[in-house]
Protein backbone atom coordinates (compact mmCIF):
# COMPACT_ATOMS: atom_id res chain seq x y z
CA MET A 1 -26.06 25.40 -14.97
CA ILE A 2 -22.39 24.11 -14.17
CA LYS A 3 -21.71 24.08 -10.46
CA VAL A 4 -18.04 24.63 -9.31
CA ALA A 5 -16.39 24.17 -5.82
CA PHE A 6 -14.05 26.40 -5.58
CA TYR A 7 -11.88 25.87 -3.13
CA ASP A 8 -9.22 28.27 -0.68
CA ALA A 9 -11.41 31.33 -1.85
CA LYS A 10 -9.96 34.44 -0.89
CA PRO A 11 -11.68 38.01 -1.29
CA TYR A 12 -9.52 39.16 -4.19
CA ASP A 13 -10.61 36.29 -6.24
CA ARG A 14 -14.31 36.67 -5.81
CA SER A 15 -15.15 39.53 -7.94
CA SER A 16 -13.83 38.42 -11.43
CA PHE A 17 -14.78 34.70 -11.02
CA GLU A 18 -18.38 36.11 -10.24
CA HIS A 19 -18.39 38.39 -13.32
CA TYR A 20 -17.38 35.19 -15.76
CA GLY A 21 -19.56 32.90 -14.06
CA LYS A 22 -22.56 34.90 -14.31
CA LEU A 23 -21.75 35.58 -18.03
CA HIS A 24 -21.72 31.89 -18.90
CA ASP A 25 -23.72 30.40 -16.65
CA VAL A 26 -21.15 28.62 -14.33
CA GLN A 27 -21.99 29.02 -10.66
CA PHE A 28 -19.28 29.13 -7.79
CA ARG A 29 -19.73 27.63 -4.67
CA PHE A 30 -16.48 29.57 -2.67
CA LEU A 31 -14.98 27.66 0.22
CA GLU A 32 -12.53 29.40 2.30
CA ILE A 33 -10.99 26.18 3.51
CA LYS A 34 -8.46 24.02 1.31
CA LEU A 35 -9.07 21.18 -0.47
CA SER A 36 -8.33 17.98 1.29
CA GLU A 37 -8.77 14.50 2.19
CA ASP A 38 -11.15 16.23 5.17
CA THR A 39 -12.95 18.87 3.27
CA VAL A 40 -13.61 16.50 -0.06
CA GLU A 41 -17.12 16.04 0.79
CA LEU A 42 -17.92 19.81 0.64
CA ALA A 43 -17.91 19.45 -3.37
CA ARG A 44 -20.67 17.29 -2.79
CA ASP A 45 -23.30 18.01 -5.99
CA CYS A 46 -21.25 19.91 -7.76
CA ASP A 47 -19.77 18.94 -11.20
CA ALA A 48 -16.02 20.37 -10.92
CA VAL A 49 -13.58 21.87 -8.48
CA CYS A 50 -11.33 24.96 -8.35
CA VAL A 51 -8.32 24.54 -7.00
CA PHE A 52 -5.00 26.70 -5.90
CA VAL A 53 -1.84 26.27 -5.27
CA ASN A 54 -1.93 24.85 -1.65
CA ASP A 55 -4.97 22.61 -1.90
CA ASN A 56 -3.68 19.01 -1.81
CA VAL A 57 -5.29 17.32 -4.87
CA ASN A 58 -3.51 13.77 -4.00
CA ALA A 59 -4.63 10.07 -5.03
CA LYS A 60 -7.09 9.68 -2.43
CA VAL A 61 -8.72 13.08 -2.89
CA ILE A 62 -9.00 12.22 -6.50
CA ASP A 63 -10.70 8.76 -5.98
CA ARG A 64 -13.12 10.62 -3.88
CA LEU A 65 -14.07 13.41 -6.08
CA TYR A 66 -14.39 10.58 -9.03
CA GLU A 67 -16.48 8.51 -6.71
CA MET A 68 -19.03 11.64 -6.10
CA GLY A 69 -18.94 12.03 -10.11
CA ILE A 70 -16.88 15.06 -10.12
CA LYS A 71 -15.88 15.82 -13.77
CA LEU A 72 -12.90 18.34 -13.84
CA ILE A 73 -10.29 19.69 -11.30
CA ALA A 74 -9.80 23.21 -12.91
CA LEU A 75 -6.64 25.12 -11.41
CA ARG A 76 -6.38 28.71 -11.49
CA SER A 77 -2.76 28.65 -11.38
CA ALA A 78 -0.06 27.44 -13.91
CA GLY A 79 1.53 25.17 -11.25
CA TYR A 80 0.02 21.93 -10.91
CA ASN A 81 2.63 19.98 -8.55
CA ASN A 82 0.12 19.70 -6.08
CA VAL A 83 -2.38 17.67 -8.34
CA ASP A 84 -1.45 13.74 -8.73
CA VAL A 85 -2.40 14.09 -12.36
CA ARG A 86 -0.99 10.25 -13.12
CA ALA A 87 -4.21 9.38 -10.46
CA ALA A 88 -6.39 11.49 -12.40
CA PHE A 89 -5.86 10.13 -15.83
CA GLY A 90 -8.60 7.90 -16.87
CA LYS A 91 -11.02 9.51 -13.92
CA ILE A 92 -11.19 13.35 -13.86
CA HIS A 93 -9.86 15.55 -16.29
CA VAL A 94 -7.22 18.20 -15.15
CA VAL A 95 -6.78 21.94 -16.62
CA HIS A 96 -4.54 24.89 -15.62
CA VAL A 97 -4.03 28.31 -16.25
CA PRO A 98 -0.63 28.31 -18.23
CA ALA A 99 -0.26 31.95 -18.76
CA TYR A 100 -2.19 34.76 -17.15
CA SER A 101 -0.10 37.56 -16.71
CA PRO A 102 3.74 36.96 -17.01
CA TYR A 103 4.59 40.39 -16.58
CA ALA A 104 3.42 40.47 -13.22
CA VAL A 105 5.41 37.36 -12.13
CA ALA A 106 8.74 38.95 -14.10
CA GLU A 107 8.25 42.00 -12.71
CA HIS A 108 7.45 40.77 -9.07
CA ALA A 109 10.57 39.10 -9.47
CA MET A 110 13.01 42.40 -10.24
CA ALA A 111 11.00 44.32 -7.92
CA LEU A 112 12.16 41.86 -5.21
CA LEU A 113 16.02 41.75 -6.53
CA LEU A 114 15.78 46.00 -6.89
CA THR A 115 14.48 46.18 -3.16
CA SER A 116 17.22 43.76 -2.20
CA VAL A 117 20.10 45.36 -4.09
CA ARG A 118 19.24 48.83 -3.04
CA ARG A 119 18.41 48.07 0.53
CA ILE A 120 14.68 50.14 0.06
CA HIS A 121 13.05 47.61 2.35
CA LYS A 122 15.33 49.15 5.08
CA ALA A 123 15.52 52.55 4.07
CA TYR A 124 11.59 52.87 3.99
CA ASN A 125 11.52 51.34 7.59
CA ARG A 126 14.10 53.92 8.43
CA THR A 127 12.81 56.97 7.34
CA ARG A 128 9.43 56.38 9.04
CA GLU A 129 11.36 56.87 12.28
CA PHE A 130 13.06 60.05 10.59
CA ASN A 131 16.44 58.45 10.68
CA PHE A 132 17.81 59.55 7.47
CA SER A 133 20.98 58.11 7.87
CA LEU A 134 22.52 55.99 4.64
CA SER A 135 24.91 53.88 6.73
CA GLY A 136 24.90 50.46 5.79
CA LEU A 137 22.29 50.89 2.45
CA THR A 138 25.50 50.88 0.03
CA GLY A 139 24.07 48.74 -2.86
CA PHE A 140 25.78 48.34 -6.60
CA ASP A 141 24.76 48.69 -10.26
CA LEU A 142 22.61 45.92 -12.11
CA HIS A 143 24.23 47.11 -15.20
CA GLY A 144 27.00 44.72 -16.34
CA LYS A 145 26.09 42.16 -13.95
CA THR A 146 25.56 38.38 -14.95
CA VAL A 147 22.40 36.97 -14.46
CA GLY A 148 20.99 33.24 -14.79
CA VAL A 149 17.74 32.93 -15.51
CA ILE A 150 16.67 28.91 -14.94
CA GLY A 151 13.48 28.34 -17.36
CA THR A 152 12.68 30.42 -20.26
CA GLY A 153 9.24 29.83 -20.87
CA ARG A 154 7.07 33.19 -20.96
CA ILE A 155 7.97 34.61 -17.56
CA GLY A 156 11.21 34.06 -17.83
CA ARG A 157 11.54 35.28 -21.42
CA ILE A 158 10.08 38.72 -20.12
CA PHE A 159 12.47 38.77 -16.76
CA ILE A 160 15.19 38.47 -19.42
CA ASP A 161 13.73 41.38 -21.45
CA ILE A 162 13.47 43.40 -18.39
CA CYS A 163 17.00 42.38 -17.26
CA ARG A 164 18.38 43.41 -20.59
CA GLY A 165 16.91 46.77 -20.23
CA PHE A 166 19.10 47.44 -17.01
CA GLY A 167 22.25 46.35 -19.09
CA MET A 168 22.63 42.81 -17.56
CA ASN A 169 24.45 40.10 -19.04
CA VAL A 170 22.14 37.08 -19.49
CA ILE A 171 22.48 33.52 -19.51
CA ALA A 172 20.13 30.90 -19.24
CA TYR A 173 19.54 27.13 -18.41
CA ASP A 174 16.09 25.08 -19.99
CA ALA A 175 15.63 21.26 -20.48
CA TYR A 176 13.58 23.00 -23.47
CA PRO A 177 15.58 25.99 -25.16
CA ALA A 178 13.59 28.52 -26.89
CA PRO A 179 14.59 28.42 -30.45
CA ASP A 180 15.86 31.16 -32.35
CA SER A 181 15.43 33.50 -28.95
CA GLY A 182 18.70 34.97 -28.92
CA ILE A 183 19.17 33.97 -25.66
CA GLU A 184 22.54 32.04 -24.48
CA TYR A 185 22.00 29.00 -23.06
CA VAL A 186 24.49 26.99 -20.97
CA THR A 187 24.52 24.00 -18.64
CA LEU A 188 22.81 24.24 -15.14
CA GLU A 189 26.77 24.13 -13.71
CA GLU A 190 27.93 27.03 -15.79
CA LEU A 191 25.21 29.04 -14.64
CA PHE A 192 25.83 28.32 -11.41
CA HIS A 193 29.35 29.29 -11.51
CA ARG A 194 29.18 32.68 -13.83
CA SER A 195 26.20 33.95 -12.50
CA ASP A 196 26.13 36.85 -9.93
CA ILE A 197 22.25 36.60 -9.47
CA ILE A 198 19.89 33.56 -10.33
CA SER A 199 16.44 33.69 -10.81
CA LEU A 200 14.07 30.60 -11.13
CA HIS A 201 11.42 30.54 -13.49
CA CYS A 202 10.68 27.19 -13.92
CA PRO A 203 8.18 24.22 -13.05
CA LEU A 204 8.43 21.79 -10.13
CA ASN A 205 8.52 18.18 -11.03
CA ASP A 206 10.83 15.35 -10.01
CA SER A 207 13.83 16.51 -12.01
CA THR A 208 14.01 19.97 -10.79
CA ARG A 209 13.02 19.37 -6.68
CA HIS A 210 15.98 20.81 -4.79
CA MET A 211 17.86 21.83 -7.86
CA ILE A 212 19.01 24.77 -5.31
CA ASP A 213 20.91 22.33 -2.96
CA ARG A 214 24.15 22.18 -1.03
CA LYS A 215 26.28 21.30 -4.14
CA ALA A 216 24.88 23.81 -6.40
CA ILE A 217 25.40 26.62 -3.77
CA ASP A 218 28.82 25.53 -3.13
CA SER A 219 29.49 25.93 -7.05
CA MET A 220 28.21 29.38 -7.10
CA LYS A 221 30.08 33.12 -6.88
CA LYS A 222 30.50 34.41 -3.26
CA GLY A 223 27.85 36.90 -2.54
CA VAL A 224 25.58 35.29 -5.21
CA ILE A 225 21.57 36.60 -4.90
CA ILE A 226 19.12 33.94 -5.30
CA VAL A 227 15.61 35.15 -6.69
CA ASN A 228 12.89 32.61 -6.72
CA THR A 229 9.29 33.54 -7.49
CA SER A 230 8.33 29.80 -9.08
CA ARG A 231 7.72 26.92 -6.46
CA GLY A 232 9.52 26.93 -3.17
CA ALA A 233 10.50 23.28 -3.41
CA LEU A 234 13.13 24.27 -6.12
CA ILE A 235 15.15 25.40 -3.58
CA ASN A 236 16.42 23.41 -0.27
CA ALA A 237 15.71 25.79 2.30
CA GLU A 238 18.18 24.22 4.68
CA ALA A 239 20.95 24.58 2.30
CA LEU A 240 19.95 28.05 1.50
CA LEU A 241 19.92 29.08 4.76
CA ASP A 242 23.18 27.40 5.59
CA GLY A 243 24.81 29.39 2.22
CA ILE A 244 23.35 32.27 3.74
CA ARG A 245 25.06 31.80 7.30
CA ALA A 246 28.51 31.06 5.41
CA ARG A 247 28.18 34.21 3.43
CA LYS A 248 28.59 32.19 0.20
CA VAL A 249 24.62 33.54 -0.55
CA GLY A 250 24.83 37.44 -0.70
CA ALA A 251 21.22 37.87 -0.44
CA ALA A 252 17.69 35.47 -1.19
CA CYS A 253 14.46 37.10 -2.58
CA LEU A 254 11.50 34.39 -1.97
CA ASP A 255 8.00 34.64 -2.92
CA VAL A 256 7.36 31.14 -2.32
CA TYR A 257 8.53 28.50 -0.07
CA GLU A 258 8.60 24.66 0.09
CA GLU A 259 6.47 24.50 3.42
CA GLU A 260 4.31 27.48 2.40
CA ALA A 261 0.85 25.46 2.31
CA ASP A 262 -0.12 26.25 6.10
CA ILE A 263 1.36 29.52 6.32
CA PHE A 264 0.87 31.73 3.16
CA PHE A 265 -2.12 33.68 2.25
CA GLU A 266 -3.34 33.73 6.06
CA ASP A 267 -2.73 36.55 8.49
CA ARG A 268 -0.38 34.97 11.24
CA SER A 269 0.88 37.99 12.75
CA GLY A 270 -1.00 36.76 16.05
CA HIS A 271 0.63 33.96 16.08
CA ILE A 272 3.69 32.24 17.17
CA LEU A 273 5.24 30.77 13.60
CA ASN A 274 5.93 26.87 14.12
CA ASP A 275 8.19 26.60 11.41
CA GLU A 276 11.44 27.34 12.92
CA LEU A 277 13.39 27.32 9.07
CA LEU A 278 10.93 30.02 7.60
CA SER A 279 11.48 32.00 10.86
CA ARG A 280 15.28 31.85 10.79
CA LEU A 281 15.18 32.74 6.94
CA ILE A 282 13.25 35.67 7.34
CA SER A 283 14.82 36.89 10.61
CA MET A 284 17.73 36.68 8.14
CA PRO A 285 19.10 40.71 7.41
CA ASN A 286 19.62 40.06 3.02
CA VAL A 287 16.51 37.80 3.03
CA ILE A 288 13.30 39.27 1.73
CA VAL A 289 10.10 37.13 1.65
CA THR A 290 6.73 37.90 0.25
CA SER A 291 3.81 35.82 0.49
CA HIS A 292 3.63 33.92 -2.76
CA GLN A 293 1.93 37.54 -4.38
CA ALA A 294 3.69 37.53 -7.43
CA PHE A 295 0.95 36.97 -9.52
CA LEU A 296 -1.46 39.27 -7.52
CA THR A 297 -2.20 42.02 -9.68
CA GLU A 298 -5.65 43.01 -12.02
CA GLU A 299 -4.71 42.45 -14.98
CA ALA A 300 -3.64 38.89 -13.58
CA LEU A 301 -6.58 38.31 -11.44
CA ASN A 302 -8.82 39.03 -14.29
CA ASN A 303 -7.04 36.89 -16.72
CA ILE A 304 -6.83 33.64 -14.23
CA ALA A 305 -10.86 33.91 -13.70
CA GLU A 306 -11.69 34.25 -17.84
CA THR A 307 -9.15 31.37 -18.56
CA THR A 308 -10.43 29.02 -15.89
CA VAL A 309 -13.87 29.48 -16.89
CA ASN A 310 -13.26 29.35 -20.45
CA ASN A 311 -11.28 25.64 -19.49
CA ILE A 312 -14.16 24.51 -17.61
CA LEU A 313 -16.89 25.49 -20.44
CA SER A 314 -14.31 23.67 -22.87
CA CYS A 315 -14.36 20.67 -20.76
CA PHE A 316 -18.35 20.44 -20.63
CA GLU A 317 -18.69 21.10 -24.28
CA LYS A 318 -20.01 18.29 -26.64
CA ASP A 319 -16.43 17.20 -27.84
CA GLY A 320 -14.73 18.21 -24.40
CA LEU A 321 -11.33 19.39 -25.76
CA CYS A 322 -9.53 21.97 -23.89
CA ASP A 323 -5.96 23.34 -25.04
CA ASN A 324 -5.02 23.76 -21.05
CA GLU A 325 -5.73 20.32 -20.18
CA LEU A 326 -2.78 18.20 -18.62
CA CYS A 327 -2.75 14.62 -19.35
CA TYR A 328 -0.73 11.72 -18.24
CA ARG A 329 -1.51 9.54 -21.28
CA CYS A 330 1.84 10.27 -22.74
CA GLY A 331 3.58 10.93 -19.57
CA ASN A 332 4.77 14.43 -20.81
CA ILE A 333 1.60 15.88 -19.35
CA GLU A 334 1.96 19.43 -20.58
CA ARG A 335 4.14 19.43 -23.66
CA CYS A 336 2.20 16.80 -25.43
CA ARG A 337 -1.01 18.13 -26.67
CA LYS A 338 -1.74 15.50 -29.35
CA GLU A 339 -2.97 18.56 -31.55
CA ARG A 340 -5.89 18.24 -29.50
CA LYS A 341 -7.81 16.07 -32.13
CA GLU A 342 -9.45 14.02 -29.40
CA ARG A 343 -9.91 14.13 -25.62
CA CYS A 344 -7.05 12.04 -23.73
CA PHE A 345 -9.58 9.69 -22.12
């Protein structure tokens, strides 16, 4: 039996992971606490750890896991910016879930956009108080508007298909353009300049961190709408707030936030929020914040559990090959798979 310490466990995680764990003789030790330097000892006697986006898997944590005999870090997410993959190389293998339900995230991005543009959240609150006035609820047509999509992986391309269904004009930027996709690729600068709406669907790394900053916002159209369902640190939140106050940014739809680790996924309704920047963003009438829930569909949860368990099984098999391994060997981490003829180390 493979024993796995499952950090930052939530009620919606358990049923699908328990199901696939029982099918394949994988035993999960569900821990509600996040993985950190203070909680790493809870993984003792396990073969692997399973982590999510706000677990802190830094070099010190990795070294301690290695000393304890942990052989695998299994991310149940696509993003891996919270794991020091370089520090893990040669010690512990790292795997992720590159695609669970790209439809879930793309559809949530459109849901946020529609809610903002058509003031659905405001209308909902009004009618619950029997206020049926239409004053202040005027929106605009998405048809004919230009949407700039940053990142054209599976989620980005599905979002593009949804936008085309609304009759929107689509332009895109990606460091690795999809060949023969029929997508109009432009430079990032041109995308900022032309787009009425900008939606982020790219990973967080050194080259994309704070790609939406003051300079970028200054180059955008007045009234631009920014949608982010990827990673919070793609946007400099202070610059975004300044852009909103200056009436440069017409609206922001955020499912992620740079400093979300100690806030999101928890009930903070009975507490004073210590993050002043997030408090000010939420207080803005043209900002919608959801708590990193774009992935949260039944289909996605099932796919995440199935893929994660299969990743674990693959790594503990005789050859140890896993198509979803993240490796620092060639410095390209995700894109170089070495045709998977051998393990990275």
